[in-house]
PDB file of N, CA and C in Angstrom:
ATOM      1  N   MET A   1       9.764  33.202   2.610  1.00  0.00           N
ATOM      2  CA  MET A   1       9.775  31.881   2.027  1.00  0.00           C
ATOM      3  C   MET A   1       9.725  32.004   0.520  1.00  0.00           C
ATOM      4  N   ASP A   2      10.555  31.284  -0.151  1.00  0.00           N
ATOM      5  CA  ASP A   2      10.568  31.262  -1.607  1.00  0.00           C
ATOM      6  C   ASP A   2       9.519  30.266  -2.075  1.00  0.00           C
ATOM      7  N   SER A   3       8.367  30.768  -2.500  1.00  0.00           N
ATOM      8  CA  SER A   3       7.257  29.887  -2.847  1.00  0.00           C
ATOM      9  C   SER A   3       7.580  28.980  -4.028  1.00  0.00           C
ATOM     10  N   SER A   4       8.507  29.367  -4.872  1.00  0.00           N
ATOM     11  CA  SER A   4       8.833  28.536  -6.020  1.00  0.00           C
ATOM     12  C   SER A   4       9.543  27.255  -5.614  1.00  0.00           C
ATOM     13  N   SER A   5      10.082  27.212  -4.400  1.00  0.00           N
ATOM     14  CA  SER A   5      10.795  26.013  -3.984  1.00  0.00           C
ATOM     15  C   SER A   5       9.888  25.032  -3.256  1.00  0.00           C
ATOM     16  N   SER A   6       8.611  25.360  -3.104  1.00  0.00           N
ATOM     17  CA  SER A   6       7.675  24.472  -2.439  1.00  0.00           C
ATOM     18  C   SER A   6       7.051  23.530  -3.448  1.00  0.00           C
ATOM     19  N   SER A   7       7.051  22.246  -3.120  1.00  0.00           N
ATOM     20  CA  SER A   7       6.405  21.286  -4.008  1.00  0.00           C
ATOM     21  C   SER A   7       5.712  20.229  -3.168  1.00  0.00           C
ATOM     22  N   ALA A   8       4.637  20.616  -2.517  1.00  0.00           N
ATOM     23  CA  ALA A   8       3.911  19.688  -1.665  1.00  0.00           C
ATOM     24  C   ALA A   8       3.400  18.528  -2.500  1.00  0.00           C
ATOM     25  N   ASN A   9       3.735  17.341  -2.092  1.00  0.00           N
ATOM     26  CA  ASN A   9       3.296  16.132  -2.761  1.00  0.00           C
ATOM     27  C   ASN A   9       2.532  15.332  -1.717  1.00  0.00           C
ATOM     28  N   LEU A  10       1.280  15.693  -1.492  1.00  0.00           N
ATOM     29  CA  LEU A  10       0.491  15.081  -0.443  1.00  0.00           C
ATOM     30  C   LEU A  10      -0.194  13.835  -0.973  1.00  0.00           C
ATOM     31  N   CYS A  11       0.247  12.672  -0.498  1.00  0.00           N
ATOM     32  CA  CYS A  11      -0.277  11.414  -1.029  1.00  0.00           C
ATOM     33  C   CYS A  11      -1.427  10.845  -0.218  1.00  0.00           C
ATOM     34  N   THR A  12      -1.409  11.041   1.088  1.00  0.00           N
ATOM     35  CA  THR A  12      -2.432  10.469   1.949  1.00  0.00           C
ATOM     36  C   THR A  12      -2.793  11.457   3.035  1.00  0.00           C
ATOM     37  N   GLU A  13      -3.818  11.136   3.807  1.00  0.00           N
ATOM     38  CA  GLU A  13      -4.190  11.994   4.923  1.00  0.00           C
ATOM     39  C   GLU A  13      -3.077  12.084   5.947  1.00  0.00           C
ATOM     40  N   ASP A  14      -2.268  11.030   6.052  1.00  0.00           N
ATOM     41  CA  ASP A  14      -1.185  11.018   7.027  1.00  0.00           C
ATOM     42  C   ASP A  14       0.091  11.639   6.480  1.00  0.00           C
ATOM     43  N   SER A  15      -0.018  12.362   5.368  1.00  0.00           N
ATOM     44  CA  SER A  15       1.178  12.927   4.749  1.00  0.00           C
ATOM     45  C   SER A  15       1.880  13.917   5.665  1.00  0.00           C
ATOM     46  N   LYS A  16       1.205  14.360   6.731  1.00  0.00           N
ATOM     47  CA  LYS A  16       1.837  15.258   7.687  1.00  0.00           C
ATOM     48  C   LYS A  16       3.020  14.564   8.346  1.00  0.00           C
ATOM     49  N   LYS A  17       2.969  13.244   8.434  1.00  0.00           N
ATOM     50  CA  LYS A  17       4.000  12.493   9.120  1.00  0.00           C
ATOM     51  C   LYS A  17       4.760  11.547   8.203  1.00  0.00           C
ATOM     52  N   PHE A  18       4.141  11.170   7.104  1.00  0.00           N
ATOM     53  CA  PHE A  18       4.738  10.176   6.232  1.00  0.00           C
ATOM     54  C   PHE A  18       4.804  10.663   4.796  1.00  0.00           C
ATOM     55  N   CYS A  19       5.904  10.344   4.125  1.00  0.00           N
ATOM     56  CA  CYS A  19       6.007  10.688   2.712  1.00  0.00           C
ATOM     57  C   CYS A  19       5.322   9.598   1.896  1.00  0.00           C
ATOM     58  N   CYS A  20       5.312   9.750   0.598  1.00  0.00           N
ATOM     59  CA  CYS A  20       4.640   8.797  -0.280  1.00  0.00           C
ATOM     60  C   CYS A  20       5.374   7.467  -0.393  1.00  0.00           C
ATOM     61  N   CYS A  21       6.591   7.408   0.141  1.00  0.00           N
ATOM     62  CA  CYS A  21       7.334   6.148   0.198  1.00  0.00           C
ATOM     63  C   CYS A  21       6.834   5.292   1.351  1.00  0.00           C
ATOM     64  N   GLY A  22       6.022   5.894   2.226  1.00  0.00           N
ATOM     65  CA  GLY A  22       5.535   5.190   3.405  1.00  0.00           C
ATOM     66  C   GLY A  22       6.470   5.333   4.594  1.00  0.00           C
ATOM     67  N   LEU A  23       7.515   6.123   4.436  1.00  0.00           N
ATOM     68  CA  LEU A  23       8.485   6.338   5.510  1.00  0.00           C
ATOM     69  C   LEU A  23       8.156   7.619   6.264  1.00  0.00           C
ATOM     70  N   ARG A  24       8.556   7.672   7.509  1.00  0.00           N
ATOM     71  CA  ARG A  24       8.336   8.880   8.300  1.00  0.00           C
ATOM     72  C   ARG A  24       9.133  10.027   7.671  1.00  0.00           C
ATOM     73  N   ALA A  25       8.461  11.135   7.441  1.00  0.00           N
ATOM     74  CA  ALA A  25       9.107  12.318   6.867  1.00  0.00           C
ATOM     75  C   ALA A  25       9.617  13.177   8.019  1.00  0.00           C
ATOM     76  N   PRO A  26      10.924  13.241   8.196  1.00  0.00           N
ATOM     77  CA  PRO A  26      11.460  13.998   9.330  1.00  0.00           C
ATOM     78  C   PRO A  26      11.323  15.507   9.140  1.00  0.00           C
ATOM     79  N   LEU A  27      11.189  16.210  10.257  1.00  0.00           N
ATOM     80  CA  LEU A  27      11.188  17.670  10.235  1.00  0.00           C
ATOM     81  C   LEU A  27      12.638  18.111  10.111  1.00  0.00           C
ATOM     82  N   LYS A  28      12.920  18.922   9.094  1.00  0.00           N
ATOM     83  CA  LYS A  28      14.286  19.374   8.827  1.00  0.00           C
ATOM     84  C   LYS A  28      14.328  20.893   8.825  1.00  0.00           C
ATOM     85  N   THR A  29      15.520  21.424   8.832  1.00  0.00           N
ATOM     86  CA  THR A  29      15.721  22.877   8.791  1.00  0.00           C
ATOM     87  C   THR A  29      16.522  23.220   7.547  1.00  0.00           C
ATOM     88  N   SER A  30      16.006  24.162   6.773  1.00  0.00           N
ATOM     89  CA  SER A  30      16.683  24.593   5.553  1.00  0.00           C
ATOM     90  C   SER A  30      17.977  25.336   5.897  1.00  0.00           C
ATOM     91  N   LYS A  31      19.004  25.029   5.130  1.00  0.00           N
ATOM     92  CA  LYS A  31      20.283  25.713   5.288  1.00  0.00           C
ATOM     93  C   LYS A  31      20.648  26.492   4.029  1.00  0.00           C
ATOM     94  N   THR A  32      19.639  26.732   3.179  1.00  0.00           N
ATOM     95  CA  THR A  32      19.888  27.462   1.939  1.00  0.00           C
ATOM     96  C   THR A  32      19.922  28.959   2.210  1.00  0.00           C
ATOM     97  N   THR A  33      20.502  29.693   1.289  1.00  0.00           N
ATOM     98  CA  THR A  33      20.550  31.150   1.445  1.00  0.00           C
ATOM     99  C   THR A  33      19.183  31.782   1.178  1.00  0.00           C
ATOM    100  N   THR A  34      18.338  31.129   0.366  1.00  0.00           N
ATOM    101  CA  THR A  34      17.014  31.686   0.073  1.00  0.00           C
ATOM    102  C   THR A  34      16.013  31.451   1.195  1.00  0.00           C
ATOM    103  N   ASN A  35      16.158  30.362   1.940  1.00  0.00           N
ATOM    104  CA  ASN A  35      15.207  30.023   3.008  1.00  0.00           C
ATOM    105  C   ASN A  35      15.933  29.581   4.282  1.00  0.00           C
ATOM    106  N   PRO A  36      16.861  30.371   4.790  1.00  0.00           N
ATOM    107  CA  PRO A  36      17.648  29.940   5.953  1.00  0.00           C
ATOM    108  C   PRO A  36      16.784  29.770   7.200  1.00  0.00           C
ATOM    109  N   GLY A  37      16.961  28.621   7.847  1.00  0.00           N
ATOM    110  CA  GLY A  37      16.271  28.372   9.103  1.00  0.00           C
ATOM    111  C   GLY A  37      14.821  27.955   8.981  1.00  0.00           C
ATOM    112  N   MET A  38      14.283  27.907   7.758  1.00  0.00           N
ATOM    113  CA  MET A  38      12.882  27.506   7.566  1.00  0.00           C
ATOM    114  C   MET A  38      12.742  26.004   7.833  1.00  0.00           C
ATOM    115  N   LYS A  39      11.678  25.635   8.525  1.00  0.00           N
ATOM    116  CA  LYS A  39      11.407  24.225   8.849  1.00  0.00           C
ATOM    117  C   LYS A  39      10.563  23.603   7.741  1.00  0.00           C
ATOM    118  N   PHE A  40      10.845  22.333   7.447  1.00  0.00           N
ATOM    119  CA  PHE A  40      10.078  21.621   6.428  1.00  0.00           C
ATOM    120  C   PHE A  40      10.109  20.125   6.689  1.00  0.00           C
ATOM    121  N   TYR A  41       9.114  19.432   6.128  1.00  0.00           N
ATOM    122  CA  TYR A  41       9.107  17.970   6.121  1.00  0.00           C
ATOM    123  C   TYR A  41       9.522  17.538   4.724  1.00  0.00           C
ATOM    124  N   GLY A  42      10.363  16.507   4.651  1.00  0.00           N
ATOM    125  CA  GLY A  42      10.803  16.026   3.351  1.00  0.00           C
ATOM    126  C   GLY A  42      11.018  14.526   3.338  1.00  0.00           C
ATOM    127  N   CYS A  43      10.981  13.962   2.141  1.00  0.00           N
ATOM    128  CA  CYS A  43      11.216  12.531   1.958  1.00  0.00           C
ATOM    129  C   CYS A  43      12.589  12.153   2.505  1.00  0.00           C
ATOM    130  N   THR A  44      12.634  11.048   3.206  1.00  0.00           N
ATOM    131  CA  THR A  44      13.886  10.548   3.757  1.00  0.00           C
ATOM    132  C   THR A  44      14.882  10.208   2.649  1.00  0.00           C
ATOM    133  N   LYS A  45      14.356   9.846   1.478  1.00  0.00           N
ATOM    134  CA  LYS A  45      15.211   9.449   0.351  1.00  0.00           C
ATOM    135  C   LYS A  45      15.549  10.621  -0.570  1.00  0.00           C
ATOM    136  N   TYR A  46      15.418  11.844  -0.047  1.00  0.00           N
ATOM    137  CA  TYR A  46      15.728  13.050  -0.814  1.00  0.00           C
ATOM    138  C   TYR A  46      17.100  12.934  -1.471  1.00  0.00           C
ATOM    139  N   LYS A  47      17.212  13.423  -2.683  1.00  0.00           N
ATOM    140  CA  LYS A  47      18.446  13.393  -3.487  1.00  0.00           C
ATOM    141  C   LYS A  47      18.860  11.987  -3.906  1.00  0.00           C
ATOM    142  N   THR A  48      17.902  11.050  -3.934  1.00  0.00           N
ATOM    143  CA  THR A  48      18.177   9.726  -4.488  1.00  0.00           C
ATOM    144  C   THR A  48      17.148   9.454  -5.576  1.00  0.00           C
ATOM    145  N   LYS A  49      17.400   8.477  -6.403  1.00  0.00           N
ATOM    146  CA  LYS A  49      16.458   8.128  -7.476  1.00  0.00           C
ATOM    147  C   LYS A  49      15.173   7.525  -6.914  1.00  0.00           C
ATOM    148  N   GLN A  50      15.207   7.040  -5.681  1.00  0.00           N
ATOM    149  CA  GLN A  50      14.031   6.420  -5.079  1.00  0.00           C
ATOM    150  C   GLN A  50      13.128   7.422  -4.362  1.00  0.00           C
ATOM    151  N   SER A  51      13.487   8.690  -4.328  1.00  0.00           N
ATOM    152  CA  SER A  51      12.697   9.704  -3.620  1.00  0.00           C
ATOM    153  C   SER A  51      11.318   9.867  -4.250  1.00  0.00           C
ATOM    154  N   CYS A  52      10.305   9.983  -3.396  1.00  0.00           N
ATOM    155  CA  CYS A  52       8.948  10.213  -3.891  1.00  0.00           C
ATOM    156  C   CYS A  52       8.710  11.700  -4.164  1.00  0.00           C
ATOM    157  N   GLY A  53       9.628  12.552  -3.726  1.00  0.00           N
ATOM    158  CA  GLY A  53       9.509  13.975  -3.970  1.00  0.00           C
ATOM    159  C   GLY A  53       8.715  14.732  -2.915  1.00  0.00           C
ATOM    160  N   PHE A  54       8.334  14.048  -1.828  1.00  0.00           N
ATOM    161  CA  PHE A  54       7.543  14.713  -0.793  1.00  0.00           C
ATOM    162  C   PHE A  54       8.333  15.860  -0.173  1.00  0.00           C
ATOM    163  N   PHE A  55       7.684  17.035  -0.114  1.00  0.00           N
ATOM    164  CA  PHE A  55       8.281  18.224   0.481  1.00  0.00           C
ATOM    165  C   PHE A  55       7.179  19.209   0.815  1.00  0.00           C
ATOM    166  N   ILE A  56       7.174  19.700   2.045  1.00  0.00           N
ATOM    167  CA  ILE A  56       6.224  20.744   2.406  1.00  0.00           C
ATOM    168  C   ILE A  56       6.814  21.571   3.544  1.00  0.00           C
ATOM    169  N   TRP A  57       6.700  22.897   3.391  1.00  0.00           N
ATOM    170  CA  TRP A  57       7.157  23.790   4.448  1.00  0.00           C
ATOM    171  C   TRP A  57       6.252  23.604   5.664  1.00  0.00           C
ATOM    172  N   LEU A  58       6.814  23.685   6.853  1.00  0.00           N
ATOM    173  CA  LEU A  58       6.037  23.536   8.074  1.00  0.00           C
ATOM    174  C   LEU A  58       4.926  24.574   8.146  1.00  0.00           C
ATOM    175  N   ASP A  59       5.225  25.833   7.831  1.00  0.00           N
ATOM    176  CA  ASP A  59       4.178  26.863   7.916  1.00  0.00           C
ATOM    177  C   ASP A  59       3.072  26.629   6.890  1.00  0.00           C
ATOM    178  N   GLU A  60       3.404  26.057   5.743  1.00  0.00           N
ATOM    179  CA  GLU A  60       2.398  25.718   4.740  1.00  0.00           C
ATOM    180  C   GLU A  60       1.496  24.594   5.256  1.00  0.00           C
ATOM    181  N   LEU A  61       2.103  23.605   5.901  1.00  0.00           N
ATOM    182  CA  LEU A  61       1.347  22.496   6.472  1.00  0.00           C
ATOM    183  C   LEU A  61       0.415  23.000   7.570  1.00  0.00           C
ATOM    184  N   LEU A  62       0.898  23.891   8.413  1.00  0.00           N
ATOM    185  CA  LEU A  62       0.061  24.437   9.481  1.00  0.00           C
ATOM    186  C   LEU A  62      -1.117  25.210   8.906  1.00  0.00           C
ATOM    187  N   THR A  63      -0.904  25.916   7.802  1.00  0.00           N
ATOM    188  CA  THR A  63      -1.987  26.646   7.133  1.00  0.00           C
ATOM    189  C   THR A  63      -3.045  25.668   6.619  1.00  0.00           C
ATOM    190  N   ILE A  64      -2.595  24.564   6.030  1.00  0.00           N
ATOM    191  CA  ILE A  64      -3.513  23.537   5.526  1.00  0.00           C
ATOM    192  C   ILE A  64      -4.308  22.937   6.677  1.00  0.00           C
ATOM    193  N   GLN A  65      -3.622  22.619   7.774  1.00  0.00           N
ATOM    194  CA  GLN A  65      -4.300  22.033   8.928  1.00  0.00           C
ATOM    195  C   GLN A  65      -5.322  23.000   9.516  1.00  0.00           C
ATOM    196  N   GLU A  66      -4.979  24.273   9.603  1.00  0.00           N
ATOM    197  CA  GLU A  66      -5.894  25.274  10.149  1.00  0.00           C
ATOM    198  C   GLU A  66      -7.114  25.429   9.253  1.00  0.00           C
ATOM    199  N   ALA A  67      -6.919  25.427   7.940  1.00  0.00           N
ATOM    200  CA  ALA A  67      -8.036  25.533   7.004  1.00  0.00           C
ATOM    201  C   ALA A  67      -8.956  24.319   7.145  1.00  0.00           C
ATOM    202  N   ASP A  68      -8.373  23.148   7.329  1.00  0.00           N
ATOM    203  CA  ASP A  68      -9.152  21.928   7.502  1.00  0.00           C
ATOM    204  C   ASP A  68      -9.970  22.001   8.790  1.00  0.00           C
ATOM    205  N   ARG A  69      -9.345  22.442   9.873  1.00  0.00           N
ATOM    206  CA  ARG A  69     -10.060  22.597  11.146  1.00  0.00           C
ATOM    207  C   ARG A  69     -11.200  23.593  11.011  1.00  0.00           C
ATOM    208  N   SER A  70     -10.920  24.706  10.374  1.00  0.00           N
ATOM    209  CA  SER A  70     -11.924  25.743  10.180  1.00  0.00           C
ATOM    210  C   SER A  70     -13.102  25.209   9.373  1.00  0.00           C
ATOM    211  N   GLN A  71     -12.826  24.457   8.333  1.00  0.00           N
ATOM    212  CA  GLN A  71     -13.893  23.885   7.498  1.00  0.00           C
ATOM    213  C   GLN A  71     -14.734  22.906   8.296  1.00  0.00           C
ATOM    214  N   ARG A  72     -14.093  22.073   9.131  1.00  0.00           N
ATOM    215  CA  ARG A  72     -14.845  21.124   9.951  1.00  0.00           C
ATOM    216  C   ARG A  72     -15.753  21.851  10.940  1.00  0.00           C
ATOM    217  N   ILE A  73     -15.270  22.948  11.511  1.00  0.00           N
ATOM    218  CA  ILE A  73     -16.082  23.735  12.444  1.00  0.00           C
ATOM    219  C   ILE A  73     -17.272  24.348  11.695  1.00  0.00           C
ATOM    220  N   GLN A  74     -17.012  24.920  10.530  1.00  0.00           N
ATOM    221  CA  GLN A  74     -18.089  25.518   9.733  1.00  0.00           C
ATOM    222  C   GLN A  74     -19.115  24.464   9.340  1.00  0.00           C
ATOM    223  N   ASP A  75     -18.642  23.288   8.957  1.00  0.00           N
ATOM    224  CA  ASP A  75     -19.552  22.204   8.588  1.00  0.00           C
ATOM    225  C   ASP A  75     -20.418  21.802   9.781  1.00  0.00           C
ATOM    226  N   ALA A  76     -19.805  21.688  10.962  1.00  0.00           N
ATOM    227  CA  ALA A  76     -20.540  21.307  12.163  1.00  0.00           C
ATOM    228  C   ALA A  76     -21.572  22.373  12.524  1.00  0.00           C
ATOM    229  N   LEU A  77     -21.186  23.636  12.422  1.00  0.00           N
ATOM    230  CA  LEU A  77     -22.125  24.721  12.723  1.00  0.00           C
ATOM    231  C   LEU A  77     -23.262  24.749  11.711  1.00  0.00           C
ATOM    232  N   GLY A  78     -22.951  24.522  10.476  1.00  0.00           N
ATOM    233  CA  GLY A  78     -23.976  24.482   9.433  1.00  0.00           C
ATOM    234  C   GLY A  78     -24.935  23.337   9.658  1.00  0.00           C
ATOM    235  N   LEU A  79     -24.425  22.194  10.064  1.00  0.00           N
ATOM    236  CA  LEU A  79     -25.252  21.042  10.360  1.00  0.00           C
ATOM    237  C   LEU A  79     -26.172  21.357  11.523  1.00  0.00           C
ATOM    238  N   HIS A  80     -25.638  22.006  12.547  1.00  0.00           N
ATOM    239  CA  HIS A  80     -26.414  22.365  13.724  1.00  0.00           C
ATOM    240  C   HIS A  80     -27.524  23.341  13.334  1.00  0.00           C
ATOM    241  N   ARG A  81     -27.221  24.309  12.491  1.00  0.00           N
ATOM    242  CA  ARG A  81     -28.224  25.286  12.048  1.00  0.00           C
ATOM    243  C   ARG A  81     -29.336  24.603  11.252  1.00  0.00           C
ATOM    244  N   ASP A  82     -28.952  23.625  10.401  1.00  0.00           N
ATOM    245  CA  ASP A  82     -29.952  22.891   9.632  1.00  0.00           C
ATOM    246  C   ASP A  82     -30.908  22.132  10.550  1.00  0.00           C
ATOM    247  N   GLU A  83     -30.359  21.541  11.636  1.00  0.00           N
ATOM    248  CA  GLU A  83     -31.185  20.805  12.588  1.00  0.00           C
ATOM    249  C   GLU A  83     -32.148  21.757  13.297  1.00  0.00           C
ATOM    250  N   GLU A  84     -31.692  22.979  13.642  1.00  0.00           N
ATOM    251  CA  GLU A  84     -32.546  23.946  14.305  1.00  0.00           C
ATOM    252  C   GLU A  84     -33.692  24.366  13.403  1.00  0.00           C
ATOM    253  N   ARG A  85     -33.455  24.517  12.118  1.00  0.00           N
ATOM    254  CA  ARG A  85     -34.492  24.922  11.175  1.00  0.00           C
ATOM    255  C   ARG A  85     -35.580  23.860  11.035  1.00  0.00           C
ATOM    256  N   GLN A  86     -35.207  22.604  11.170  1.00  0.00           N
ATOM    257  CA  GLN A  86     -36.150  21.505  11.001  1.00  0.00           C
ATOM    258  C   GLN A  86     -37.070  21.350  12.214  1.00  0.00           C
ATOM    259  N   THR A  87     -36.667  21.850  13.364  1.00  0.00           N
ATOM    260  CA  THR A  87     -37.487  21.684  14.575  1.00  0.00           C
ATOM    261  C   THR A  87     -38.433  22.827  14.774  1.00  0.00           C
TER     262      THR A  87
END
């Protein structure tokens, strides 16, 4: 993956499904020579003046989601440990 071509523009928690225009960001497949076959979500209005610029590689999004899940698990375990110490 060419990291220089990634420009995640995450506007809301639902950015996994929606771009900053409020439209559903479809899953697309790159046809470029630098990133052939790579999956990404992008603004529906891409290449127009109205585009919000939303773009994120699918594998990058999955990494973000996994980190978020991991943090929530760690937070829950930490909370549980704090409760055990108090009793």
